[in-house]
């Protein structure tokens, strides 16, 4: 299955969330929510993943993202739809 990479501007929002260590709430394409702190974006086996930490570490493939809401007050942005 071929995956479509995120556009650069959407990718930038993920990078900003990681740089500032924003607490985020993700909604995945299957409707599942994931909440935690954005830590890093990694590449593995030609796929990109967002690392989110709460009580555990989540490795979420970027093409599974539907929406990201920033929970920190006064953040650089509040919500992104993928």
PDB file of N, CA and C in Angstrom:
ATOM      1  N   UNK A   1       0.831  -1.176   0.000  1.00  0.00           N
ATOM      2  CA  UNK A   1       0.000   0.000   0.000  1.00  0.00           C
ATOM      3  C   UNK A   1       0.877   1.242   0.000  1.00  0.00           C
ATOM      4  N   UNK A   2       0.613   2.149  -0.920  1.00  0.00           N
ATOM      5  CA  UNK A   2       1.390   3.374  -1.015  1.00  0.00           C
ATOM      6  C   UNK A   2       0.783   4.438  -0.105  1.00  0.00           C
ATOM      7  N   UNK A   3       1.634   5.142   0.628  1.00  0.00           N
ATOM      8  CA  UNK A   3       1.151   6.200   1.511  1.00  0.00           C
ATOM      9  C   UNK A   3       1.462   7.554   0.896  1.00  0.00           C
ATOM     10  N   UNK A   4       0.595   8.510   1.150  1.00  0.00           N
ATOM     11  CA  UNK A   4       0.792   9.862   0.666  1.00  0.00           C
ATOM     12  C   UNK A   4       1.425  10.683   1.786  1.00  0.00           C
ATOM     13  N   UNK A   5       2.575  11.308   1.515  1.00  0.00           N
ATOM     14  CA  UNK A   5       3.205  12.099   2.570  1.00  0.00           C
ATOM     15  C   UNK A   5       2.390  13.359   2.876  1.00  0.00           C
ATOM     16  N   UNK A   6       2.540  13.846   4.106  1.00  0.00           N
ATOM     17  CA  UNK A   6       1.878  15.088   4.492  1.00  0.00           C
ATOM     18  C   UNK A   6       2.492  16.260   3.749  1.00  0.00           C
ATOM     19  N   UNK A   7       1.683  17.282   3.525  1.00  0.00           N
ATOM     20  CA  UNK A   7       2.224  18.502   2.923  1.00  0.00           C
ATOM     21  C   UNK A   7       3.189  19.152   3.915  1.00  0.00           C
ATOM     22  N   UNK A   8       4.083  19.953   3.404  1.00  0.00           N
ATOM     23  CA  UNK A   8       5.107  20.587   4.246  1.00  0.00           C
ATOM     24  C   UNK A   8       4.497  21.466   5.335  1.00  0.00           C
ATOM     25  N   UNK A   9       3.427  22.202   5.012  1.00  0.00           N
ATOM     26  CA  UNK A   9       2.850  23.082   6.029  1.00  0.00           C
ATOM     27  C   UNK A   9       2.223  22.293   7.171  1.00  0.00           C
ATOM     28  N   UNK A  10       1.587  21.151   6.889  1.00  0.00           N
ATOM     29  CA  UNK A  10       1.041  20.316   7.957  1.00  0.00           C
ATOM     30  C   UNK A  10       2.158  19.674   8.771  1.00  0.00           C
ATOM     31  N   UNK A  11       3.210  19.267   8.098  1.00  0.00           N
ATOM     32  CA  UNK A  11       4.366  18.676   8.775  1.00  0.00           C
ATOM     33  C   UNK A  11       4.987  19.696   9.728  1.00  0.00           C
ATOM     34  N   UNK A  12       5.020  20.969   9.310  1.00  0.00           N
ATOM     35  CA  UNK A  12       5.584  22.029  10.158  1.00  0.00           C
ATOM     36  C   UNK A  12       4.835  22.154  11.482  1.00  0.00           C
ATOM     37  N   UNK A  13       3.508  22.017  11.464  1.00  0.00           N
ATOM     38  CA  UNK A  13       2.740  22.088  12.708  1.00  0.00           C
ATOM     39  C   UNK A  13       3.146  20.974  13.672  1.00  0.00           C
ATOM     40  N   UNK A  14       3.383  19.790  13.146  1.00  0.00           N
ATOM     41  CA  UNK A  14       3.829  18.684  13.999  1.00  0.00           C
ATOM     42  C   UNK A  14       5.205  18.977  14.586  1.00  0.00           C
ATOM     43  N   UNK A  15       6.091  19.528  13.769  1.00  0.00           N
ATOM     44  CA  UNK A  15       7.427  19.873  14.259  1.00  0.00           C
ATOM     45  C   UNK A  15       7.373  20.947  15.343  1.00  0.00           C
ATOM     46  N   UNK A  16       6.511  21.949  15.158  1.00  0.00           N
ATOM     47  CA  UNK A  16       6.351  23.000  16.173  1.00  0.00           C
ATOM     48  C   UNK A  16       5.851  22.392  17.480  1.00  0.00           C
ATOM     49  N   UNK A  17       4.887  21.496  17.395  1.00  0.00           N
ATOM     50  CA  UNK A  17       4.357  20.836  18.591  1.00  0.00           C
ATOM     51  C   UNK A  17       5.455  20.080  19.341  1.00  0.00           C
ATOM     52  N   UNK A  18       6.347  19.442  18.594  1.00  0.00           N
ATOM     53  CA  UNK A  18       7.449  18.702  19.216  1.00  0.00           C
ATOM     54  C   UNK A  18       8.485  19.647  19.820  1.00  0.00           C
ATOM     55  N   UNK A  19       8.852  20.690  19.098  1.00  0.00           N
ATOM     56  CA  UNK A  19       9.869  21.640  19.583  1.00  0.00           C
ATOM     57  C   UNK A  19       9.427  22.283  20.895  1.00  0.00           C
ATOM     58  N   UNK A  20       8.155  22.677  20.968  1.00  0.00           N
ATOM     59  CA  UNK A  20       7.637  23.341  22.168  1.00  0.00           C
ATOM     60  C   UNK A  20       7.123  22.355  23.217  1.00  0.00           C
ATOM     61  N   UNK A  21       7.120  21.077  22.888  1.00  0.00           N
ATOM     62  CA  UNK A  21       6.653  20.063  23.842  1.00  0.00           C
ATOM     63  C   UNK A  21       5.188  20.250  24.205  1.00  0.00           C
ATOM     64  N   UNK A  22       4.378  20.601  23.207  1.00  0.00           N
ATOM     65  CA  UNK A  22       2.960  20.856  23.452  1.00  0.00           C
ATOM     66  C   UNK A  22       2.242  19.591  23.894  1.00  0.00           C
ATOM     67  N   UNK A  23       1.290  19.785  24.801  1.00  0.00           N
ATOM     68  CA  UNK A  23       0.355  18.720  25.146  1.00  0.00           C
ATOM     69  C   UNK A  23      -0.726  18.763  24.068  1.00  0.00           C
ATOM     70  N   UNK A  24      -0.966  17.626  23.425  1.00  0.00           N
ATOM     71  CA  UNK A  24      -1.876  17.588  22.288  1.00  0.00           C
ATOM     72  C   UNK A  24      -2.930  16.496  22.458  1.00  0.00           C
ATOM     73  N   UNK A  25      -4.023  16.683  21.749  1.00  0.00           N
ATOM     74  CA  UNK A  25      -5.031  15.636  21.630  1.00  0.00           C
ATOM     75  C   UNK A  25      -5.174  15.342  20.148  1.00  0.00           C
ATOM     76  N   UNK A  26      -4.853  14.122  19.781  1.00  0.00           N
ATOM     77  CA  UNK A  26      -4.959  13.684  18.390  1.00  0.00           C
ATOM     78  C   UNK A  26      -6.256  12.925  18.195  1.00  0.00           C
ATOM     79  N   UNK A  27      -6.832  13.085  17.030  1.00  0.00           N
ATOM     80  CA  UNK A  27      -7.920  12.226  16.599  1.00  0.00           C
ATOM     81  C   UNK A  27      -7.415  11.504  15.367  1.00  0.00           C
ATOM     82  N   UNK A  28      -7.425  10.176  15.442  1.00  0.00           N
ATOM     83  CA  UNK A  28      -6.949   9.373  14.316  1.00  0.00           C
ATOM     84  C   UNK A  28      -8.084   9.160  13.317  1.00  0.00           C
ATOM     85  N   UNK A  29      -7.735   8.743  12.128  1.00  0.00           N
ATOM     86  CA  UNK A  29      -8.732   8.540  11.071  1.00  0.00           C
ATOM     87  C   UNK A  29      -9.780   7.505  11.458  1.00  0.00           C
ATOM     88  N   UNK A  30      -9.447   6.573  12.342  1.00  0.00           N
ATOM     89  CA  UNK A  30     -10.424   5.581  12.792  1.00  0.00           C
ATOM     90  C   UNK A  30     -11.267   6.100  13.965  1.00  0.00           C
ATOM     91  N   UNK A  31     -11.065   7.387  14.348  1.00  0.00           N
ATOM     92  CA  UNK A  31     -11.835   8.002  15.428  1.00  0.00           C
ATOM     93  C   UNK A  31     -11.213   7.880  16.802  1.00  0.00           C
ATOM     94  N   UNK A  32     -10.176   7.090  16.936  1.00  0.00           N
ATOM     95  CA  UNK A  32      -9.532   6.884  18.226  1.00  0.00           C
ATOM     96  C   UNK A  32      -8.801   8.151  18.670  1.00  0.00           C
ATOM     97  N   UNK A  33      -8.992   8.587  19.937  1.00  0.00           N
ATOM     98  CA  UNK A  33      -8.248   9.737  20.443  1.00  0.00           C
ATOM     99  C   UNK A  33      -6.955   9.296  21.131  1.00  0.00           C
ATOM    100  N   UNK A  34      -5.932  10.129  21.018  1.00  0.00           N
ATOM    101  CA  UNK A  34      -4.673   9.914  21.732  1.00  0.00           C
ATOM    102  C   UNK A  34      -4.268  11.267  22.302  1.00  0.00           C
ATOM    103  N   UNK A  35      -4.000  11.304  23.608  1.00  0.00           N
ATOM    104  CA  UNK A  35      -3.608  12.548  24.251  1.00  0.00           C
ATOM    105  C   UNK A  35      -2.256  12.362  24.920  1.00  0.00           C
ATOM    106  N   UNK A  36      -1.410  13.382  24.822  1.00  0.00           N
ATOM    107  CA  UNK A  36      -0.096  13.323  25.459  1.00  0.00           C
ATOM    108  C   UNK A  36       0.762  14.476  24.997  1.00  0.00           C
ATOM    109  N   UNK A  37       2.064  14.358  25.245  1.00  0.00           N
ATOM    110  CA  UNK A  37       3.029  15.392  24.880  1.00  0.00           C
ATOM    111  C   UNK A  37       3.721  14.985  23.583  1.00  0.00           C
ATOM    112  N   UNK A  38       3.722  15.907  22.614  1.00  0.00           N
ATOM    113  CA  UNK A  38       4.420  15.661  21.347  1.00  0.00           C
ATOM    114  C   UNK A  38       5.921  15.669  21.604  1.00  0.00           C
ATOM    115  N   UNK A  39       6.614  14.610  21.225  1.00  0.00           N
ATOM    116  CA  UNK A  39       8.037  14.472  21.530  1.00  0.00           C
ATOM    117  C   UNK A  39       8.945  14.550  20.313  1.00  0.00           C
ATOM    118  N   UNK A  40       8.579  13.847  19.233  1.00  0.00           N
ATOM    119  CA  UNK A  40       9.508  13.754  18.109  1.00  0.00           C
ATOM    120  C   UNK A  40       8.784  13.181  16.892  1.00  0.00           C
ATOM    121  N   UNK A  41       9.396  13.394  15.734  1.00  0.00           N
ATOM    122  CA  UNK A  41       8.960  12.744  14.504  1.00  0.00           C
ATOM    123  C   UNK A  41      10.124  11.872  14.049  1.00  0.00           C
ATOM    124  N   UNK A  42       9.835  10.608  13.799  1.00  0.00           N
ATOM    125  CA  UNK A  42      10.889   9.690  13.368  1.00  0.00           C
ATOM    126  C   UNK A  42      10.491   9.029  12.052  1.00  0.00           C
ATOM    127  N   UNK A  43      11.498   8.546  11.343  1.00  0.00           N
ATOM    128  CA  UNK A  43      11.274   7.792  10.115  1.00  0.00           C
ATOM    129  C   UNK A  43      11.752   6.367  10.356  1.00  0.00           C
ATOM    130  N   UNK A  44      10.911   5.415   9.992  1.00  0.00           N
ATOM    131  CA  UNK A  44      11.244   4.006  10.142  1.00  0.00           C
ATOM    132  C   UNK A  44      10.621   3.253   8.968  1.00  0.00           C
ATOM    133  N   UNK A  45      11.427   2.483   8.277  1.00  0.00           N
ATOM    134  CA  UNK A  45      10.958   1.682   7.145  1.00  0.00           C
ATOM    135  C   UNK A  45      10.206   2.541   6.126  1.00  0.00           C
ATOM    136  N   UNK A  46      10.761   3.718   5.818  1.00  0.00           N
ATOM    137  CA  UNK A  46      10.225   4.660   4.829  1.00  0.00           C
ATOM    138  C   UNK A  46       8.850   5.218   5.210  1.00  0.00           C
ATOM    139  N   UNK A  47       8.517   5.182   6.498  1.00  0.00           N
ATOM    140  CA  UNK A  47       7.264   5.764   6.997  1.00  0.00           C
ATOM    141  C   UNK A  47       7.608   6.721   8.135  1.00  0.00           C
ATOM    142  N   UNK A  48       6.784   7.770   8.286  1.00  0.00           N
ATOM    143  CA  UNK A  48       7.020   8.746   9.348  1.00  0.00           C
ATOM    144  C   UNK A  48       6.028   8.543  10.485  1.00  0.00           C
ATOM    145  N   UNK A  49       6.545   8.738  11.712  1.00  0.00           N
ATOM    146  CA  UNK A  49       5.747   8.528  12.911  1.00  0.00           C
ATOM    147  C   UNK A  49       5.912   9.711  13.856  1.00  0.00           C
ATOM    148  N   UNK A  50       4.831  10.056  14.548  1.00  0.00           N
ATOM    149  CA  UNK A  50       4.865  11.043  15.614  1.00  0.00           C
ATOM    150  C   UNK A  50       4.952  10.284  16.933  1.00  0.00           C
ATOM    151  N   UNK A  51       5.894  10.684  17.767  1.00  0.00           N
ATOM    152  CA  UNK A  51       6.029  10.081  19.092  1.00  0.00           C
ATOM    153  C   UNK A  51       5.287  10.957  20.082  1.00  0.00           C
ATOM    154  N   UNK A  52       4.333  10.359  20.794  1.00  0.00           N
ATOM    155  CA  UNK A  52       3.526  11.054  21.795  1.00  0.00           C
ATOM    156  C   UNK A  52       3.658  10.284  23.100  1.00  0.00           C
ATOM    157  N   UNK A  53       3.941  11.015  24.191  1.00  0.00           N
ATOM    158  CA  UNK A  53       4.109  10.364  25.489  1.00  0.00           C
ATOM    159  C   UNK A  53       3.035  10.816  26.465  1.00  0.00           C
ATOM    160  N   UNK A  54       2.468   9.841  27.170  1.00  0.00           N
ATOM    161  CA  UNK A  54       1.641  10.066  28.344  1.00  0.00           C
ATOM    162  C   UNK A  54       2.128   9.042  29.359  1.00  0.00           C
ATOM    163  N   UNK A  55       1.291   8.188  29.888  1.00  0.00           N
ATOM    164  CA  UNK A  55       1.793   7.133  30.776  1.00  0.00           C
ATOM    165  C   UNK A  55       2.652   6.133  30.004  1.00  0.00           C
ATOM    166  N   UNK A  56       2.481   6.119  28.703  1.00  0.00           N
ATOM    167  CA  UNK A  56       3.265   5.252  27.820  1.00  0.00           C
ATOM    168  C   UNK A  56       3.669   6.037  26.573  1.00  0.00           C
ATOM    169  N   UNK A  57       4.488   5.424  25.741  1.00  0.00           N
ATOM    170  CA  UNK A  57       4.933   6.065  24.505  1.00  0.00           C
ATOM    171  C   UNK A  57       4.137   5.507  23.335  1.00  0.00           C
ATOM    172  N   UNK A  58       3.576   6.415  22.530  1.00  0.00           N
ATOM    173  CA  UNK A  58       2.801   6.030  21.349  1.00  0.00           C
ATOM    174  C   UNK A  58       3.589   6.422  20.107  1.00  0.00           C
ATOM    175  N   UNK A  59       3.631   5.532  19.148  1.00  0.00           N
ATOM    176  CA  UNK A  59       4.284   5.762  17.860  1.00  0.00           C
ATOM    177  C   UNK A  59       3.170   5.734  16.814  1.00  0.00           C
ATOM    178  N   UNK A  60       2.785   6.928  16.328  1.00  0.00           N
ATOM    179  CA  UNK A  60       1.606   7.053  15.479  1.00  0.00           C
ATOM    180  C   UNK A  60       2.029   7.443  14.069  1.00  0.00           C
ATOM    181  N   UNK A  61       1.656   6.626  13.109  1.00  0.00           N
ATOM    182  CA  UNK A  61       2.004   6.920  11.719  1.00  0.00           C
ATOM    183  C   UNK A  61       1.282   8.193  11.279  1.00  0.00           C
ATOM    184  N   UNK A  62       2.012   9.095  10.626  1.00  0.00           N
ATOM    185  CA  UNK A  62       1.462  10.398  10.270  1.00  0.00           C
ATOM    186  C   UNK A  62       0.246  10.308   9.367  1.00  0.00           C
ATOM    187  N   UNK A  63       0.199   9.327   8.482  1.00  0.00           N
ATOM    188  CA  UNK A  63      -0.961   9.242   7.583  1.00  0.00           C
ATOM    189  C   UNK A  63      -2.210   8.702   8.279  1.00  0.00           C
ATOM    190  N   UNK A  64      -2.124   8.396   9.573  1.00  0.00           N
ATOM    191  CA  UNK A  64      -3.294   7.979  10.349  1.00  0.00           C
ATOM    192  C   UNK A  64      -3.931   9.153  11.077  1.00  0.00           C
ATOM    193  N   UNK A  65      -3.296  10.343  11.007  1.00  0.00           N
ATOM    194  CA  UNK A  65      -3.801  11.515  11.726  1.00  0.00           C
ATOM    195  C   UNK A  65      -4.974  12.144  10.993  1.00  0.00           C
ATOM    196  N   UNK A  66      -5.988  12.531  11.757  1.00  0.00           N
ATOM    197  CA  UNK A  66      -7.128  13.257  11.218  1.00  0.00           C
ATOM    198  C   UNK A  66      -7.137  14.699  11.734  1.00  0.00           C
ATOM    199  N   UNK A  67      -6.841  14.865  13.052  1.00  0.00           N
ATOM    200  CA  UNK A  67      -6.883  16.192  13.652  1.00  0.00           C
ATOM    201  C   UNK A  67      -5.926  16.247  14.849  1.00  0.00           C
ATOM    202  N   UNK A  68      -5.351  17.418  15.080  1.00  0.00           N
ATOM    203  CA  UNK A  68      -4.507  17.648  16.253  1.00  0.00           C
ATOM    204  C   UNK A  68      -4.966  18.937  16.917  1.00  0.00           C
ATOM    205  N   UNK A  69      -5.277  18.842  18.189  1.00  0.00           N
ATOM    206  CA  UNK A  69      -5.661  20.009  18.973  1.00  0.00           C
ATOM    207  C   UNK A  69      -4.593  20.227  20.042  1.00  0.00           C
ATOM    208  N   UNK A  70      -4.117  21.473  20.158  1.00  0.00           N
ATOM    209  CA  UNK A  70      -3.115  21.810  21.171  1.00  0.00           C
ATOM    210  C   UNK A  70      -3.838  22.205  22.451  1.00  0.00           C
ATOM    211  N   UNK A  71      -3.442  21.601  23.578  1.00  0.00           N
ATOM    212  CA  UNK A  71      -4.101  21.840  24.848  1.00  0.00           C
ATOM    213  C   UNK A  71      -3.406  22.911  25.683  1.00  0.00           C
ATOM    214  N   UNK A  72      -2.208  23.332  25.296  1.00  0.00           N
ATOM    215  CA  UNK A  72      -1.491  24.372  26.032  1.00  0.00           C
ATOM    216  C   UNK A  72      -2.127  25.740  25.780  1.00  0.00           C
ATOM    217  N   UNK A  73      -2.263  26.559  26.828  1.00  0.00           N
ATOM    218  CA  UNK A  73      -2.734  27.924  26.596  1.00  0.00           C
ATOM    219  C   UNK A  73      -1.656  28.739  25.882  1.00  0.00           C
ATOM    220  N   UNK A  74      -2.063  29.716  25.098  1.00  0.00           N
ATOM    221  CA  UNK A  74      -1.154  30.629  24.392  1.00  0.00           C
ATOM    222  C   UNK A  74      -0.181  29.924  23.448  1.00  0.00           C
ATOM    223  N   UNK A  75      -0.605  28.817  22.877  1.00  0.00           N
ATOM    224  CA  UNK A  75       0.239  28.089  21.921  1.00  0.00           C
ATOM    225  C   UNK A  75       0.300  28.855  20.606  1.00  0.00           C
ATOM    226  N   UNK A  76       1.249  28.516  19.760  1.00  0.00           N
ATOM    227  CA  UNK A  76       1.422  29.157  18.455  1.00  0.00           C
ATOM    228  C   UNK A  76       0.242  28.888  17.509  1.00  0.00           C
ATOM    229  N   UNK A  77      -0.500  27.808  17.751  1.00  0.00           N
ATOM    230  CA  UNK A  77      -1.696  27.445  16.974  1.00  0.00           C
ATOM    231  C   UNK A  77      -2.581  26.607  17.876  1.00  0.00           C
ATOM    232  N   UNK A  78      -3.825  26.399  17.484  1.00  0.00           N
ATOM    233  CA  UNK A  78      -4.729  25.658  18.362  1.00  0.00           C
ATOM    234  C   UNK A  78      -5.187  24.324  17.784  1.00  0.00           C
ATOM    235  N   UNK A  79      -5.402  24.273  16.476  1.00  0.00           N
ATOM    236  CA  UNK A  79      -5.918  23.029  15.890  1.00  0.00           C
ATOM    237  C   UNK A  79      -5.500  22.912  14.431  1.00  0.00           C
ATOM    238  N   UNK A  80      -5.239  21.684  14.012  1.00  0.00           N
ATOM    239  CA  UNK A  80      -4.865  21.395  12.637  1.00  0.00           C
ATOM    240  C   UNK A  80      -5.666  20.183  12.169  1.00  0.00           C
ATOM    241  N   UNK A  81      -6.227  20.296  10.982  1.00  0.00           N
ATOM    242  CA  UNK A  81      -6.944  19.160  10.377  1.00  0.00           C
ATOM    243  C   UNK A  81      -6.076  18.640   9.237  1.00  0.00           C
ATOM    244  N   UNK A  82      -5.818  17.345   9.246  1.00  0.00           N
ATOM    245  CA  UNK A  82      -4.926  16.736   8.265  1.00  0.00           C
ATOM    246  C   UNK A  82      -5.672  16.222   7.049  1.00  0.00           C
TER     247      UNK A  82
END
